[in-house]
Each structure stands twice: as structure tokens, then as C-alpha cells.
């Protein structure tokens, strides 16, 4: 997959920012087509809640991925324990 940036973390940040900006815009366009009433407001609130949940989930998964990778790299580069007990 070829990206616009050479660094994949930059691509993740730009994609996350695009979703954070674009999703509420699309949600407002969708809500504007609904008739007036409480359903319209509820749809907007729950839709924005879903957008926030997706963004937070992506950030948590990204942090967990980075933390796990750095921990695995630290284990791989540490000196091996060669003591043998019998």
C-alpha cells in the first residue's frame, strides 16, 4: 500500500484527523434530511457519541500496539538468561 507520507504514524494521525473532521460533517448532512422532532436530536447525539467512541477506540488500540511493540523489542534486545538449574 502506497501512502502519501513516508512515515506510517503520520498517515495514522492524518487519517484520524480526517475522520474527526469528516464524520460529524456527514452526520450533520444526514440529520438535516430527517424531519423535526426528538428523534432528530437523539440521532445526532448518538451519532456523535459513536464517532467519539470510534476515535477513542482507535487511539487506545494505537497506544496498545505501540506499547506492546516496544515491550517486545525490549525483551528481544535484552541479554538472555543462561542460568540453568537442575
N, C-alpha and C. Protein backbone atom coordinates (compact mmCIF):
# COMPACT_ATOMS: atom_id res chain seq x y z
N UNK A 1 0.84 -1.17 0.00
CA UNK A 1 0.00 0.00 0.00
C UNK A 1 0.88 1.23 0.00
N UNK A 2 0.67 2.10 -0.93
CA UNK A 2 1.46 3.32 -1.03
C UNK A 2 0.68 4.46 -0.39
N UNK A 3 1.33 5.17 0.51
CA UNK A 3 0.67 6.28 1.20
C UNK A 3 1.29 7.60 0.77
N UNK A 4 0.65 8.67 1.16
CA UNK A 4 1.14 9.99 0.83
C UNK A 4 2.33 10.39 1.69
N UNK A 5 2.48 9.74 2.82
CA UNK A 5 3.59 10.06 3.71
C UNK A 5 4.52 8.87 3.80
N UNK A 6 5.77 9.12 4.14
CA UNK A 6 6.72 8.03 4.27
C UNK A 6 6.65 7.38 5.65
N UNK A 7 6.15 8.10 6.62
CA UNK A 7 6.05 7.59 7.97
C UNK A 7 4.61 7.16 8.23
N UNK A 8 4.42 5.90 8.63
CA UNK A 8 3.07 5.38 8.81
C UNK A 8 2.34 6.02 9.98
N UNK A 9 3.07 6.49 11.00
CA UNK A 9 2.40 7.15 12.12
C UNK A 9 1.80 8.48 11.66
N UNK A 10 2.47 9.16 10.72
CA UNK A 10 1.89 10.38 10.15
C UNK A 10 0.60 10.06 9.40
N UNK A 11 0.59 8.95 8.69
CA UNK A 11 -0.60 8.53 7.95
C UNK A 11 -1.75 8.25 8.92
N UNK A 12 -1.44 7.59 10.04
CA UNK A 12 -2.47 7.31 11.04
C UNK A 12 -3.04 8.60 11.61
N UNK A 13 -2.17 9.54 11.94
CA UNK A 13 -2.62 10.81 12.52
C UNK A 13 -3.47 11.59 11.53
N UNK A 14 -3.07 11.61 10.28
CA UNK A 14 -3.84 12.34 9.27
C UNK A 14 -5.19 11.67 9.01
N UNK A 15 -5.21 10.35 9.00
CA UNK A 15 -6.46 9.63 8.82
C UNK A 15 -7.40 9.87 10.00
N UNK A 16 -6.85 9.82 11.20
CA UNK A 16 -7.65 10.06 12.40
C UNK A 16 -8.22 11.48 12.39
N UNK A 17 -7.42 12.44 11.99
CA UNK A 17 -7.89 13.82 11.90
C UNK A 17 -8.97 13.96 10.84
N UNK A 18 -8.81 13.27 9.72
CA UNK A 18 -9.82 13.30 8.67
C UNK A 18 -11.14 12.74 9.12
N UNK A 19 -11.09 11.65 9.87
CA UNK A 19 -12.33 11.06 10.41
C UNK A 19 -12.94 12.00 11.45
N UNK A 20 -12.10 12.59 12.28
CA UNK A 20 -12.61 13.50 13.32
C UNK A 20 -13.28 14.73 12.70
N UNK A 21 -12.82 15.16 11.55
CA UNK A 21 -13.42 16.32 10.90
C UNK A 21 -14.59 15.91 10.01
N UNK A 22 -14.41 14.85 9.23
CA UNK A 22 -15.41 14.47 8.23
C UNK A 22 -16.64 13.80 8.77
N UNK A 23 -16.50 12.96 9.77
CA UNK A 23 -17.65 12.20 10.29
C UNK A 23 -18.75 13.11 10.84
N UNK A 24 -18.44 14.10 11.67
CA UNK A 24 -19.52 15.00 12.12
C UNK A 24 -20.17 15.78 10.98
N UNK A 25 -19.38 16.12 9.97
CA UNK A 25 -19.97 16.82 8.82
C UNK A 25 -20.99 15.94 8.10
N UNK A 26 -20.62 14.69 7.87
CA UNK A 26 -21.55 13.75 7.22
C UNK A 26 -22.76 13.49 8.10
N UNK A 27 -22.55 13.44 9.41
CA UNK A 27 -23.66 13.23 10.33
C UNK A 27 -24.63 14.40 10.29
N UNK A 28 -24.13 15.61 10.23
CA UNK A 28 -25.00 16.79 10.15
C UNK A 28 -25.79 16.77 8.84
N UNK A 29 -25.15 16.37 7.75
CA UNK A 29 -25.87 16.27 6.47
C UNK A 29 -26.98 15.23 6.54
N UNK A 30 -26.70 14.10 7.19
CA UNK A 30 -27.71 13.05 7.31
C UNK A 30 -28.86 13.50 8.21
N UNK A 31 -28.54 14.16 9.30
CA UNK A 31 -29.57 14.62 10.25
C UNK A 31 -30.43 15.72 9.62
N UNK A 32 -29.86 16.51 8.76
CA UNK A 32 -30.64 17.59 8.14
C UNK A 32 -31.75 17.06 7.24
N UNK A 33 -31.65 15.81 6.82
CA UNK A 33 -32.68 15.22 5.97
C UNK A 33 -33.84 14.64 6.78
N UNK A 34 -33.66 14.52 8.09
CA UNK A 34 -34.72 13.96 8.94
C UNK A 34 -35.75 15.04 9.28
N UNK A 35 -36.99 14.63 9.55
CA UNK A 35 -37.99 15.62 9.97
C UNK A 35 -37.70 16.13 11.38
N UNK A 36 -38.24 17.31 11.70
CA UNK A 36 -38.04 17.89 13.03
C UNK A 36 -38.62 16.97 14.09
N UNK A 37 -38.00 16.97 15.25
CA UNK A 37 -38.52 16.18 16.36
C UNK A 37 -37.40 15.69 17.25
N UNK A 38 -37.81 14.95 18.27
CA UNK A 38 -36.81 14.47 19.22
C UNK A 38 -35.93 13.38 18.62
N UNK A 39 -36.46 12.65 17.63
CA UNK A 39 -35.64 11.60 17.00
C UNK A 39 -34.43 12.20 16.30
N UNK A 40 -34.63 13.37 15.74
CA UNK A 40 -33.54 14.05 15.04
C UNK A 40 -32.41 14.40 16.02
N UNK A 41 -32.76 14.95 17.17
CA UNK A 41 -31.76 15.30 18.17
C UNK A 41 -31.08 14.07 18.75
N UNK A 42 -31.86 13.02 19.00
CA UNK A 42 -31.29 11.79 19.54
C UNK A 42 -30.33 11.16 18.55
N UNK A 43 -30.70 11.18 17.27
CA UNK A 43 -29.83 10.63 16.24
C UNK A 43 -28.50 11.37 16.21
N UNK A 44 -28.57 12.68 16.34
CA UNK A 44 -27.35 13.50 16.32
C UNK A 44 -26.48 13.19 17.54
N UNK A 45 -27.09 13.12 18.70
CA UNK A 45 -26.33 12.86 19.94
C UNK A 45 -25.70 11.47 19.91
N UNK A 46 -26.48 10.45 19.54
CA UNK A 46 -25.94 9.10 19.50
C UNK A 46 -24.91 8.94 18.38
N UNK A 47 -25.12 9.64 17.28
CA UNK A 47 -24.14 9.59 16.20
C UNK A 47 -22.81 10.20 16.60
N UNK A 48 -22.86 11.35 17.27
CA UNK A 48 -21.62 11.96 17.74
C UNK A 48 -20.95 11.11 18.82
N UNK A 49 -21.76 10.47 19.64
CA UNK A 49 -21.20 9.55 20.64
C UNK A 49 -20.49 8.39 19.98
N UNK A 50 -21.06 7.87 18.90
CA UNK A 50 -20.42 6.78 18.17
C UNK A 50 -19.12 7.24 17.53
N UNK A 51 -19.11 8.43 16.99
CA UNK A 51 -17.88 8.97 16.38
C UNK A 51 -16.79 9.11 17.44
N UNK A 52 -17.15 9.64 18.59
CA UNK A 52 -16.17 9.79 19.68
C UNK A 52 -15.68 8.42 20.15
N UNK A 53 -16.58 7.45 20.25
CA UNK A 53 -16.18 6.11 20.67
C UNK A 53 -15.20 5.48 19.67
N UNK A 54 -15.44 5.67 18.39
CA UNK A 54 -14.53 5.14 17.37
C UNK A 54 -13.16 5.82 17.46
N UNK A 55 -13.15 7.13 17.64
CA UNK A 55 -11.88 7.85 17.73
C UNK A 55 -11.09 7.44 18.98
N UNK A 56 -11.78 7.32 20.10
CA UNK A 56 -11.10 6.89 21.34
C UNK A 56 -10.61 5.46 21.20
N UNK A 57 -11.42 4.60 20.61
CA UNK A 57 -11.00 3.21 20.39
C UNK A 57 -9.77 3.12 19.51
N UNK A 58 -9.72 3.93 18.47
CA UNK A 58 -8.55 3.92 17.59
C UNK A 58 -7.31 4.39 18.33
N UNK A 59 -7.45 5.40 19.17
CA UNK A 59 -6.30 5.89 19.94
C UNK A 59 -5.83 4.85 20.94
N UNK A 60 -6.75 4.18 21.59
CA UNK A 60 -6.38 3.15 22.58
C UNK A 60 -5.69 1.98 21.89
N UNK A 61 -6.22 1.54 20.75
CA UNK A 61 -5.58 0.45 20.03
C UNK A 61 -4.20 0.84 19.53
N UNK A 62 -4.06 2.08 19.09
CA UNK A 62 -2.75 2.55 18.62
C UNK A 62 -1.75 2.59 19.78
N UNK A 63 -2.18 3.06 20.93
CA UNK A 63 -1.29 3.10 22.10
C UNK A 63 -0.93 1.69 22.55
N UNK A 64 -1.90 0.78 22.56
CA UNK A 64 -1.62 -0.60 22.96
C UNK A 64 -0.65 -1.26 21.98
N UNK A 65 -0.83 -0.99 20.70
CA UNK A 65 0.07 -1.54 19.69
C UNK A 65 1.49 -1.03 19.90
N UNK A 66 1.64 0.27 20.11
CA UNK A 66 2.97 0.84 20.33
C UNK A 66 3.59 0.33 21.61
N UNK A 67 2.81 0.22 22.67
CA UNK A 67 3.34 -0.26 23.94
C UNK A 67 3.78 -1.72 23.83
N UNK A 68 2.97 -2.53 23.18
CA UNK A 68 3.31 -3.95 23.01
C UNK A 68 4.54 -4.13 22.14
N UNK A 69 4.66 -3.34 21.09
CA UNK A 69 5.82 -3.45 20.21
C UNK A 69 7.09 -3.04 20.92
N UNK A 70 7.03 -1.96 21.70
CA UNK A 70 8.24 -1.52 22.40
C UNK A 70 8.62 -2.53 23.49
N UNK A 71 7.63 -3.14 24.13
CA UNK A 71 7.93 -4.15 25.15
C UNK A 71 8.56 -5.39 24.51
N UNK A 72 8.03 -5.83 23.38
CA UNK A 72 8.59 -6.99 22.69
C UNK A 72 10.01 -6.71 22.20
N UNK A 73 10.26 -5.50 21.73
CA UNK A 73 11.59 -5.13 21.27
C UNK A 73 12.57 -5.10 22.44
N UNK A 74 12.12 -4.62 23.58
CA UNK A 74 12.97 -4.59 24.76
C UNK A 74 13.33 -6.01 25.21
N UNK A 75 12.38 -6.92 25.15
CA UNK A 75 12.64 -8.31 25.53
C UNK A 75 13.61 -8.95 24.54
N UNK A 76 13.44 -8.67 23.28
CA UNK A 76 14.30 -9.27 22.26
C UNK A 76 15.73 -8.77 22.34
N UNK A 77 15.93 -7.55 22.74
CA UNK A 77 17.29 -7.00 22.79
C UNK A 77 17.96 -7.18 24.14
N UNK A 78 17.23 -7.67 25.13
CA UNK A 78 17.85 -7.86 26.45
C UNK A 78 18.77 -9.09 26.42
N UNK A 79 19.66 -9.13 27.38
CA UNK A 79 20.57 -10.27 27.45
C UNK A 79 19.80 -11.52 27.86
N UNK A 80 20.11 -12.63 27.23
CA UNK A 80 19.40 -13.86 27.60
C UNK A 80 19.86 -14.39 28.97
N UNK A 81 18.96 -15.01 29.66
CA UNK A 81 19.28 -15.61 30.95
C UNK A 81 19.74 -17.04 30.68
N UNK A 82 21.02 -17.28 30.88
CA UNK A 82 21.59 -18.58 30.54
C UNK A 82 21.80 -19.44 31.78
N UNK A 83 21.24 -19.06 32.90
CA UNK A 83 21.44 -19.87 34.09
C UNK A 83 20.53 -21.09 34.02
N UNK A 84 21.09 -22.22 34.31
CA UNK A 84 20.35 -23.47 34.27
C UNK A 84 20.36 -24.06 35.67
N UNK A 85 19.20 -24.37 36.17
CA UNK A 85 19.11 -25.01 37.48
C UNK A 85 18.62 -26.42 37.26
N UNK A 86 19.25 -27.34 37.92
CA UNK A 86 18.86 -28.74 37.74
C UNK A 86 18.42 -29.35 39.04
